[in-house]
Each structure stands twice: as structure tokens, then as C-alpha cells.
Amino acid sequence: MVWEALGSAAIGLGLAYVALRLFPARFPARPLTLATGPVAALLGGLVTRAVLGAGHPPLVLAGALAVAGALLSLLVREAAPRRSASPRTA
């Protein structure tokens, strides 16, 4: 159980870090994103373990990854509209 919790938290933190590295402008705040990843993964691991029971660590970690990805996707903002390079003429 302890290893599943540590693995879930590590998966969530890793997923949050990768998301920030790939899309830095799309997330509202770095600390919020880095905190949401592990918490969401722990929640996902806990729910998956409660549903499946003990003895399924790979599935628990997969559930943690899925829930962390889903909750991190809720933080994503729309990309800023691109400005054209040509000057405006009035």
C-alpha cells in the first residue's frame, strides 16, 4: 500500500512536470499544477484500490495516471490568440 501511494504521487508529479515543460503558457500557475498532479494521482490510486482491492498494483498505478491526467486537463487554459505580424492600417 505504501509503495502504491509513493508510486502514485511520483506518477502525478512526473505528469505535472511534463505537462508544464510541454505547455508552459497553457497552465495558470506552476505551483498549482505541481500540487494538483500528485494529489490527483493519490486520489485516483485510492479510488482504484478501493474498487479493485489489494493485489493489483499495476492497475492501481494506471488508475492514478488516468485520474491525474484528467484533473490536470481541467487546469488547461485556451491558447492566447496569435497576432499577425503585419501592422494595422486605419
PDB file of N, CA and C in Angstrom:
ATOM      1  N   MET A   1       0.817  -1.191   0.000  1.00  0.00           N
ATOM      2  CA  MET A   1       0.000   0.000   0.000  1.00  0.00           C
ATOM      3  C   MET A   1       0.863   1.258   0.000  1.00  0.00           C
ATOM      4  N   VAL A   2       1.913   1.266   0.796  1.00  0.00           N
ATOM      5  CA  VAL A   2       2.785   2.438   0.864  1.00  0.00           C
ATOM      6  C   VAL A   2       3.482   2.648  -0.473  1.00  0.00           C
ATOM      7  N   TRP A   3       3.922   1.569  -1.107  1.00  0.00           N
ATOM      8  CA  TRP A   3       4.605   1.702  -2.391  1.00  0.00           C
ATOM      9  C   TRP A   3       3.656   2.171  -3.478  1.00  0.00           C
ATOM     10  N   GLU A   4       2.415   1.754  -3.402  1.00  0.00           N
ATOM     11  CA  GLU A   4       1.428   2.234  -4.372  1.00  0.00           C
ATOM     12  C   GLU A   4       1.188   3.727  -4.193  1.00  0.00           C
ATOM     13  N   ALA A   5       1.126   4.189  -2.950  1.00  0.00           N
ATOM     14  CA  ALA A   5       0.921   5.605  -2.684  1.00  0.00           C
ATOM     15  C   ALA A   5       2.116   6.428  -3.161  1.00  0.00           C
ATOM     16  N   LEU A   6       3.319   5.962  -2.867  1.00  0.00           N
ATOM     17  CA  LEU A   6       4.520   6.679  -3.321  1.00  0.00           C
ATOM     18  C   LEU A   6       4.632   6.659  -4.845  1.00  0.00           C
ATOM     19  N   GLY A   7       4.309   5.526  -5.445  1.00  0.00           N
ATOM     20  CA  GLY A   7       4.333   5.437  -6.902  1.00  0.00           C
ATOM     21  C   GLY A   7       3.294   6.329  -7.547  1.00  0.00           C
ATOM     22  N   SER A   8       2.117   6.399  -6.944  1.00  0.00           N
ATOM     23  CA  SER A   8       1.072   7.271  -7.474  1.00  0.00           C
ATOM     24  C   SER A   8       1.492   8.734  -7.392  1.00  0.00           C
ATOM     25  N   ALA A   9       2.047   9.126  -6.257  1.00  0.00           N
ATOM     26  CA  ALA A   9       2.492  10.514  -6.103  1.00  0.00           C
ATOM     27  C   ALA A   9       3.611  10.846  -7.092  1.00  0.00           C
ATOM     28  N   ALA A  10       4.516   9.908  -7.297  1.00  0.00           N
ATOM     29  CA  ALA A  10       5.605  10.138  -8.256  1.00  0.00           C
ATOM     30  C   ALA A  10       5.069  10.243  -9.687  1.00  0.00           C
ATOM     31  N   ILE A  11       4.108   9.412 -10.021  1.00  0.00           N
ATOM     32  CA  ILE A  11       3.491   9.481 -11.350  1.00  0.00           C
ATOM     33  C   ILE A  11       2.801  10.824 -11.545  1.00  0.00           C
ATOM     34  N   GLY A  12       2.058  11.271 -10.542  1.00  0.00           N
ATOM     35  CA  GLY A  12       1.364  12.549 -10.636  1.00  0.00           C
ATOM     36  C   GLY A  12       2.316  13.722 -10.760  1.00  0.00           C
ATOM     37  N   LEU A  13       3.384  13.702  -9.973  1.00  0.00           N
ATOM     38  CA  LEU A  13       4.368  14.776 -10.051  1.00  0.00           C
ATOM     39  C   LEU A  13       5.077  14.767 -11.402  1.00  0.00           C
ATOM     40  N   GLY A  14       5.417  13.587 -11.879  1.00  0.00           N
ATOM     41  CA  GLY A  14       6.060  13.485 -13.187  1.00  0.00           C
ATOM     42  C   GLY A  14       5.152  13.963 -14.311  1.00  0.00           C
ATOM     43  N   LEU A  15       3.884  13.590 -14.248  1.00  0.00           N
ATOM     44  CA  LEU A  15       2.936  14.019 -15.269  1.00  0.00           C
ATOM     45  C   LEU A  15       2.756  15.535 -15.246  1.00  0.00           C
ATOM     46  N   ALA A  16       2.673  16.123 -14.062  1.00  0.00           N
ATOM     47  CA  ALA A  16       2.542  17.576 -13.946  1.00  0.00           C
ATOM     48  C   ALA A  16       3.787  18.278 -14.483  1.00  0.00           C
ATOM     49  N   TYR A  17       4.960  17.738 -14.186  1.00  0.00           N
ATOM     50  CA  TYR A  17       6.201  18.338 -14.662  1.00  0.00           C
ATOM     51  C   TYR A  17       6.289  18.280 -16.190  1.00  0.00           C
ATOM     52  N   VAL A  18       5.935  17.143 -16.758  1.00  0.00           N
ATOM     53  CA  VAL A  18       5.958  17.002 -18.219  1.00  0.00           C
ATOM     54  C   VAL A  18       4.955  17.950 -18.864  1.00  0.00           C
ATOM     55  N   ALA A  19       3.778  18.068 -18.270  1.00  0.00           N
ATOM     56  CA  ALA A  19       2.769  18.982 -18.817  1.00  0.00           C
ATOM     57  C   ALA A  19       3.265  20.421 -18.785  1.00  0.00           C
ATOM     58  N   LEU A  20       3.943  20.811 -17.711  1.00  0.00           N
ATOM     59  CA  LEU A  20       4.478  22.173 -17.636  1.00  0.00           C
ATOM     60  C   LEU A  20       5.619  22.397 -18.617  1.00  0.00           C
ATOM     61  N   ARG A  21       6.410  21.368 -18.859  1.00  0.00           N
ATOM     62  CA  ARG A  21       7.514  21.509 -19.815  1.00  0.00           C
ATOM     63  C   ARG A  21       7.012  21.597 -21.252  1.00  0.00           C
ATOM     64  N   LEU A  22       5.955  20.836 -21.571  1.00  0.00           N
ATOM     65  CA  LEU A  22       5.436  20.837 -22.933  1.00  0.00           C
ATOM     66  C   LEU A  22       4.561  22.050 -23.240  1.00  0.00           C
ATOM     67  N   PHE A  23       3.772  22.479 -22.274  1.00  0.00           N
ATOM     68  CA  PHE A  23       2.814  23.568 -22.487  1.00  0.00           C
ATOM     69  C   PHE A  23       2.901  24.594 -21.355  1.00  0.00           C
ATOM     70  N   PRO A  24       3.989  25.343 -21.242  1.00  0.00           N
ATOM     71  CA  PRO A  24       4.142  26.242 -20.092  1.00  0.00           C
ATOM     72  C   PRO A  24       3.133  27.389 -20.069  1.00  0.00           C
ATOM     73  N   ALA A  25       2.707  27.864 -21.224  1.00  0.00           N
ATOM     74  CA  ALA A  25       1.791  29.003 -21.260  1.00  0.00           C
ATOM     75  C   ALA A  25       0.332  28.596 -21.075  1.00  0.00           C
ATOM     76  N   ARG A  26       0.043  27.329 -21.101  1.00  0.00           N
ATOM     77  CA  ARG A  26      -1.349  26.875 -21.036  1.00  0.00           C
ATOM     78  C   ARG A  26      -1.827  26.582 -19.622  1.00  0.00           C
ATOM     79  N   PHE A  27      -0.932  26.603 -18.634  1.00  0.00           N
ATOM     80  CA  PHE A  27      -1.317  26.321 -17.255  1.00  0.00           C
ATOM     81  C   PHE A  27      -1.279  27.604 -16.440  1.00  0.00           C
ATOM     82  N   PRO A  28      -2.230  27.786 -15.507  1.00  0.00           N
ATOM     83  CA  PRO A  28      -2.357  29.057 -14.798  1.00  0.00           C
ATOM     84  C   PRO A  28      -1.187  29.376 -13.867  1.00  0.00           C
ATOM     85  N   ALA A  29      -0.769  28.461 -13.068  1.00  0.00           N
ATOM     86  CA  ALA A  29       0.312  28.715 -12.117  1.00  0.00           C
ATOM     87  C   ALA A  29       1.109  27.432 -11.920  1.00  0.00           C
ATOM     88  N   ARG A  30       2.419  27.581 -11.902  1.00  0.00           N
ATOM     89  CA  ARG A  30       3.292  26.420 -11.764  1.00  0.00           C
ATOM     90  C   ARG A  30       3.074  25.672 -10.436  1.00  0.00           C
ATOM     91  N   PRO A  31       3.021  26.378  -9.287  1.00  0.00           N
ATOM     92  CA  PRO A  31       2.806  25.643  -8.027  1.00  0.00           C
ATOM     93  C   PRO A  31       1.462  24.912  -7.972  1.00  0.00           C
ATOM     94  N   LEU A  32       0.429  25.523  -8.541  1.00  0.00           N
ATOM     95  CA  LEU A  32      -0.878  24.869  -8.560  1.00  0.00           C
ATOM     96  C   LEU A  32      -0.828  23.586  -9.374  1.00  0.00           C
ATOM     97  N   THR A  33      -0.174  23.630 -10.514  1.00  0.00           N
ATOM     98  CA  THR A  33      -0.074  22.453 -11.369  1.00  0.00           C
ATOM     99  C   THR A  33       0.759  21.364 -10.704  1.00  0.00           C
ATOM    100  N   LEU A  34       1.873  21.755 -10.108  1.00  0.00           N
ATOM    101  CA  LEU A  34       2.736  20.765  -9.458  1.00  0.00           C
ATOM    102  C   LEU A  34       2.094  20.178  -8.202  1.00  0.00           C
ATOM    103  N   ALA A  35       1.159  20.871  -7.601  1.00  0.00           N
ATOM    104  CA  ALA A  35       0.448  20.321  -6.443  1.00  0.00           C
ATOM    105  C   ALA A  35      -0.734  19.462  -6.875  1.00  0.00           C
ATOM    106  N   THR A  36      -1.381  19.838  -7.969  1.00  0.00           N
ATOM    107  CA  THR A  36      -2.552  19.097  -8.429  1.00  0.00           C
ATOM    108  C   THR A  36      -2.183  17.699  -8.912  1.00  0.00           C
ATOM    109  N   GLY A  37      -1.051  17.559  -9.582  1.00  0.00           N
ATOM    110  CA  GLY A  37      -0.645  16.262 -10.128  1.00  0.00           C
ATOM    111  C   GLY A  37      -0.563  15.159  -9.089  1.00  0.00           C
ATOM    112  N   PRO A  38       0.252  15.320  -8.051  1.00  0.00           N
ATOM    113  CA  PRO A  38       0.354  14.250  -7.045  1.00  0.00           C
ATOM    114  C   PRO A  38      -0.928  14.025  -6.255  1.00  0.00           C
ATOM    115  N   VAL A  39      -1.648  15.091  -5.933  1.00  0.00           N
ATOM    116  CA  VAL A  39      -2.892  14.927  -5.177  1.00  0.00           C
ATOM    117  C   VAL A  39      -3.919  14.163  -6.002  1.00  0.00           C
ATOM    118  N   ALA A  40      -4.022  14.512  -7.284  1.00  0.00           N
ATOM    119  CA  ALA A  40      -4.971  13.817  -8.154  1.00  0.00           C
ATOM    120  C   ALA A  40      -4.572  12.352  -8.333  1.00  0.00           C
ATOM    121  N   ALA A  41      -3.278  12.096  -8.472  1.00  0.00           N
ATOM    122  CA  ALA A  41      -2.825  10.714  -8.631  1.00  0.00           C
ATOM    123  C   ALA A  41      -3.071   9.895  -7.365  1.00  0.00           C
ATOM    124  N   LEU A  42      -2.847  10.491  -6.206  1.00  0.00           N
ATOM    125  CA  LEU A  42      -3.145   9.786  -4.957  1.00  0.00           C
ATOM    126  C   LEU A  42      -4.634   9.481  -4.849  1.00  0.00           C
ATOM    127  N   LEU A  43      -5.459  10.436  -5.223  1.00  0.00           N
ATOM    128  CA  LEU A  43      -6.901  10.202  -5.201  1.00  0.00           C
ATOM    129  C   LEU A  43      -7.287   9.093  -6.177  1.00  0.00           C
ATOM    130  N   GLY A  44      -6.719   9.138  -7.376  1.00  0.00           N
ATOM    131  CA  GLY A  44      -7.002   8.097  -8.363  1.00  0.00           C
ATOM    132  C   GLY A  44      -6.533   6.729  -7.917  1.00  0.00           C
ATOM    133  N   GLY A  45      -5.352   6.671  -7.302  1.00  0.00           N
ATOM    134  CA  GLY A  45      -4.853   5.400  -6.788  1.00  0.00           C
ATOM    135  C   GLY A  45      -5.707   4.859  -5.661  1.00  0.00           C
ATOM    136  N   LEU A  46      -6.172   5.756  -4.798  1.00  0.00           N
ATOM    137  CA  LEU A  46      -7.020   5.333  -3.686  1.00  0.00           C
ATOM    138  C   LEU A  46      -8.359   4.788  -4.189  1.00  0.00           C
ATOM    139  N   VAL A  47      -8.970   5.488  -5.122  1.00  0.00           N
ATOM    140  CA  VAL A  47     -10.254   5.030  -5.656  1.00  0.00           C
ATOM    141  C   VAL A  47     -10.080   3.707  -6.408  1.00  0.00           C
ATOM    142  N   THR A  48      -9.028   3.607  -7.200  1.00  0.00           N
ATOM    143  CA  THR A  48      -8.792   2.371  -7.953  1.00  0.00           C
ATOM    144  C   THR A  48      -8.538   1.195  -7.019  1.00  0.00           C
ATOM    145  N   ARG A  49      -7.776   1.434  -5.960  1.00  0.00           N
ATOM    146  CA  ARG A  49      -7.511   0.356  -4.995  1.00  0.00           C
ATOM    147  C   ARG A  49      -8.784  -0.045  -4.261  1.00  0.00           C
ATOM    148  N   ALA A  50      -9.638   0.932  -3.962  1.00  0.00           N
ATOM    149  CA  ALA A  50     -10.894   0.616  -3.275  1.00  0.00           C
ATOM    150  C   ALA A  50     -11.814  -0.210  -4.169  1.00  0.00           C
ATOM    151  N   VAL A  51     -11.780   0.056  -5.460  1.00  0.00           N
ATOM    152  CA  VAL A  51     -12.644  -0.687  -6.383  1.00  0.00           C
ATOM    153  C   VAL A  51     -12.097  -2.084  -6.654  1.00  0.00           C
ATOM    154  N   LEU A  52     -10.796  -2.187  -6.933  1.00  0.00           N
ATOM    155  CA  LEU A  52     -10.195  -3.462  -7.323  1.00  0.00           C
ATOM    156  C   LEU A  52      -9.768  -4.328  -6.144  1.00  0.00           C
ATOM    157  N   GLY A  53      -9.415  -3.705  -5.043  1.00  0.00           N
ATOM    158  CA  GLY A  53      -8.906  -4.449  -3.899  1.00  0.00           C
ATOM    159  C   GLY A  53      -7.388  -4.579  -3.983  1.00  0.00           C
ATOM    160  N   ALA A  54      -6.825  -5.248  -2.997  1.00  0.00           N
ATOM    161  CA  ALA A  54      -5.372  -5.410  -2.930  1.00  0.00           C
ATOM    162  C   ALA A  54      -4.906  -6.423  -3.972  1.00  0.00           C
ATOM    163  N   GLY A  55      -3.638  -6.310  -4.359  1.00  0.00           N
ATOM    164  CA  GLY A  55      -3.047  -7.291  -5.260  1.00  0.00           C
ATOM    165  C   GLY A  55      -3.044  -6.896  -6.719  1.00  0.00           C
ATOM    166  N   HIS A  56      -3.335  -5.629  -7.022  1.00  0.00           N
ATOM    167  CA  HIS A  56      -3.335  -5.171  -8.412  1.00  0.00           C
ATOM    168  C   HIS A  56      -2.541  -3.874  -8.555  1.00  0.00           C
ATOM    169  N   PRO A  57      -1.257  -3.858  -8.169  1.00  0.00           N
ATOM    170  CA  PRO A  57      -0.501  -2.604  -8.207  1.00  0.00           C
ATOM    171  C   PRO A  57      -0.383  -1.975  -9.602  1.00  0.00           C
ATOM    172  N   PRO A  58      -0.179  -2.725 -10.677  1.00  0.00           N
ATOM    173  CA  PRO A  58      -0.091  -2.053 -11.982  1.00  0.00           C
ATOM    174  C   PRO A  58      -1.388  -1.350 -12.375  1.00  0.00           C
ATOM    175  N   LEU A  59      -2.516  -1.961 -12.037  1.00  0.00           N
ATOM    176  CA  LEU A  59      -3.797  -1.336 -12.358  1.00  0.00           C
ATOM    177  C   LEU A  59      -4.067  -0.122 -11.473  1.00  0.00           C
ATOM    178  N   VAL A  60      -3.611  -0.171 -10.233  1.00  0.00           N
ATOM    179  CA  VAL A  60      -3.762   0.980  -9.345  1.00  0.00           C
ATOM    180  C   VAL A  60      -2.951   2.158  -9.872  1.00  0.00           C
ATOM    181  N   LEU A  61      -1.740   1.893 -10.326  1.00  0.00           N
ATOM    182  CA  LEU A  61      -0.908   2.967 -10.878  1.00  0.00           C
ATOM    183  C   LEU A  61      -1.478   3.490 -12.189  1.00  0.00           C
ATOM    184  N   ALA A  62      -2.084   2.621 -12.976  1.00  0.00           N
ATOM    185  CA  ALA A  62      -2.726   3.078 -14.213  1.00  0.00           C
ATOM    186  C   ALA A  62      -3.942   3.952 -13.896  1.00  0.00           C
ATOM    187  N   GLY A  63      -4.681   3.598 -12.880  1.00  0.00           N
ATOM    188  CA  GLY A  63      -5.807   4.436 -12.451  1.00  0.00           C
ATOM    189  C   GLY A  63      -5.334   5.783 -11.932  1.00  0.00           C
ATOM    190  N   ALA A  64      -4.216   5.781 -11.209  1.00  0.00           N
ATOM    191  CA  ALA A  64      -3.652   7.037 -10.713  1.00  0.00           C
ATOM    192  C   ALA A  64      -3.229   7.933 -11.877  1.00  0.00           C
ATOM    193  N   LEU A  65      -2.625   7.332 -12.887  1.00  0.00           N
ATOM    194  CA  LEU A  65      -2.214   8.094 -14.071  1.00  0.00           C
ATOM    195  C   LEU A  65      -3.416   8.678 -14.799  1.00  0.00           C
ATOM    196  N   ALA A  66      -4.461   7.904 -14.927  1.00  0.00           N
ATOM    197  CA  ALA A  66      -5.665   8.369 -15.635  1.00  0.00           C
ATOM    198  C   ALA A  66      -6.338   9.524 -14.907  1.00  0.00           C
ATOM    199  N   VAL A  67      -6.490   9.416 -13.602  1.00  0.00           N
ATOM    200  CA  VAL A  67      -7.152  10.476 -12.847  1.00  0.00           C
ATOM    201  C   VAL A  67      -6.283  11.729 -12.799  1.00  0.00           C
ATOM    202  N   ALA A  68      -4.978  11.567 -12.651  1.00  0.00           N
ATOM    203  CA  ALA A  68      -4.092  12.732 -12.653  1.00  0.00           C
ATOM    204  C   ALA A  68      -4.147  13.445 -14.005  1.00  0.00           C
ATOM    205  N   GLY A  69      -4.140  12.691 -15.077  1.00  0.00           N
ATOM    206  CA  GLY A  69      -4.247  13.313 -16.399  1.00  0.00           C
ATOM    207  C   GLY A  69      -5.563  14.037 -16.588  1.00  0.00           C
ATOM    208  N   ALA A  70      -6.642  13.438 -16.096  1.00  0.00           N
ATOM    209  CA  ALA A  70      -7.960  14.064 -16.237  1.00  0.00           C
ATOM    210  C   ALA A  70      -8.048  15.359 -15.428  1.00  0.00           C
ATOM    211  N   LEU A  71      -7.565  15.339 -14.203  1.00  0.00           N
ATOM    212  CA  LEU A  71      -7.657  16.542 -13.382  1.00  0.00           C
ATOM    213  C   LEU A  71      -6.679  17.623 -13.831  1.00  0.00           C
ATOM    214  N   LEU A  72      -5.530  17.238 -14.333  1.00  0.00           N
ATOM    215  CA  LEU A  72      -4.616  18.246 -14.880  1.00  0.00           C
ATOM    216  C   LEU A  72      -5.185  18.884 -16.139  1.00  0.00           C
ATOM    217  N   SER A  73      -5.937  18.119 -16.903  1.00  0.00           N
ATOM    218  CA  SER A  73      -6.523  18.687 -18.116  1.00  0.00           C
ATOM    219  C   SER A  73      -7.566  19.748 -17.792  1.00  0.00           C
ATOM    220  N   LEU A  74      -8.128  19.711 -16.589  1.00  0.00           N
ATOM    221  CA  LEU A  74      -9.090  20.736 -16.195  1.00  0.00           C
ATOM    222  C   LEU A  74      -8.423  22.080 -15.919  1.00  0.00           C
ATOM    223  N   LEU A  75      -7.117  22.085 -15.708  1.00  0.00           N
ATOM    224  CA  LEU A  75      -6.394  23.334 -15.462  1.00  0.00           C
ATOM    225  C   LEU A  75      -5.971  24.038 -16.741  1.00  0.00           C
ATOM    226  N   VAL A  76      -6.028  23.370 -17.859  1.00  0.00           N
ATOM    227  CA  VAL A  76      -5.514  23.931 -19.106  1.00  0.00           C
ATOM    228  C   VAL A  76      -6.381  25.097 -19.555  1.00  0.00           C
ATOM    229  N   ARG A  77      -5.701  26.197 -19.909  1.00  0.00           N
ATOM    230  CA  ARG A  77      -6.386  27.372 -20.443  1.00  0.00           C
ATOM    231  C   ARG A  77      -6.287  27.357 -21.956  1.00  0.00           C
ATOM    232  N   GLU A  78      -7.115  28.187 -22.581  1.00  0.00           N
ATOM    233  CA  GLU A  78      -7.031  28.333 -24.031  1.00  0.00           C
ATOM    234  C   GLU A  78      -5.751  29.082 -24.372  1.00  0.00           C
ATOM    235  N   ALA A  79      -5.217  28.773 -25.533  1.00  0.00           N
ATOM    236  CA  ALA A  79      -4.026  29.472 -26.000  1.00  0.00           C
ATOM    237  C   ALA A  79      -4.405  30.902 -26.362  1.00  0.00           C
ATOM    238  N   ALA A  80      -3.478  31.818 -26.138  1.00  0.00           N
ATOM    239  CA  ALA A  80      -3.716  33.216 -26.492  1.00  0.00           C
ATOM    240  C   ALA A  80      -3.806  33.335 -28.010  1.00  0.00           C
ATOM    241  N   PRO A  81      -4.692  34.189 -28.494  1.00  0.00           N
ATOM    242  CA  PRO A  81      -4.786  34.338 -29.951  1.00  0.00           C
ATOM    243  C   PRO A  81      -3.499  34.910 -30.514  1.00  0.00           C
ATOM    244  N   ARG A  82      -3.123  34.395 -31.668  1.00  0.00           N
ATOM    245  CA  ARG A  82      -1.884  34.853 -32.295  1.00  0.00           C
ATOM    246  C   ARG A  82      -2.125  36.185 -32.987  1.00  0.00           C
ATOM    247  N   ARG A  83      -1.164  37.046 -32.865  1.00  0.00           N
ATOM    248  CA  ARG A  83      -1.240  38.347 -33.516  1.00  0.00           C
ATOM    249  C   ARG A  83      -0.546  38.247 -34.865  1.00  0.00           C
ATOM    250  N   SER A  84      -1.073  38.944 -35.811  1.00  0.00           N
ATOM    251  CA  SER A  84      -0.428  38.946 -37.129  1.00  0.00           C
ATOM    252  C   SER A  84       0.786  39.872 -37.115  1.00  0.00           C
ATOM    253  N   ALA A  85       1.736  39.573 -37.949  1.00  0.00           N
ATOM    254  CA  ALA A  85       2.974  40.343 -37.987  1.00  0.00           C
ATOM    255  C   ALA A  85       2.806  41.655 -38.762  1.00  0.00           C
ATOM    256  N   SER A  86       1.787  41.748 -39.581  1.00  0.00           N
ATOM    257  CA  SER A  86       1.607  42.960 -40.376  1.00  0.00           C
ATOM    258  C   SER A  86       0.981  44.064 -39.544  1.00  0.00           C
ATOM    259  N   PRO A  87       1.447  45.312 -39.723  1.00  0.00           N
ATOM    260  CA  PRO A  87       0.888  46.431 -38.952  1.00  0.00           C
ATOM    261  C   PRO A  87      -0.523  46.755 -39.432  1.00  0.00           C
ATOM    262  N   ARG A  88      -1.321  47.257 -38.537  1.00  0.00           N
ATOM    263  CA  ARG A  88      -2.691  47.633 -38.869  1.00  0.00           C
ATOM    264  C   ARG A  88      -2.707  48.975 -39.590  1.00  0.00           C
ATOM    265  N   THR A  89      -3.579  49.096 -40.541  1.00  0.00           N
ATOM    266  CA  THR A  89      -3.758  50.371 -41.229  1.00  0.00           C
ATOM    267  C   THR A  89      -5.149  50.866 -40.902  1.00  0.00           C
ATOM    268  N   ALA A  90      -5.239  52.114 -40.498  1.00  0.00           N
ATOM    269  CA  ALA A  90      -6.527  52.640 -40.089  1.00  0.00           C
ATOM    270  C   ALA A  90      -7.177  53.498 -41.135  1.00  0.00           C
TER     271      ALA A  90
END
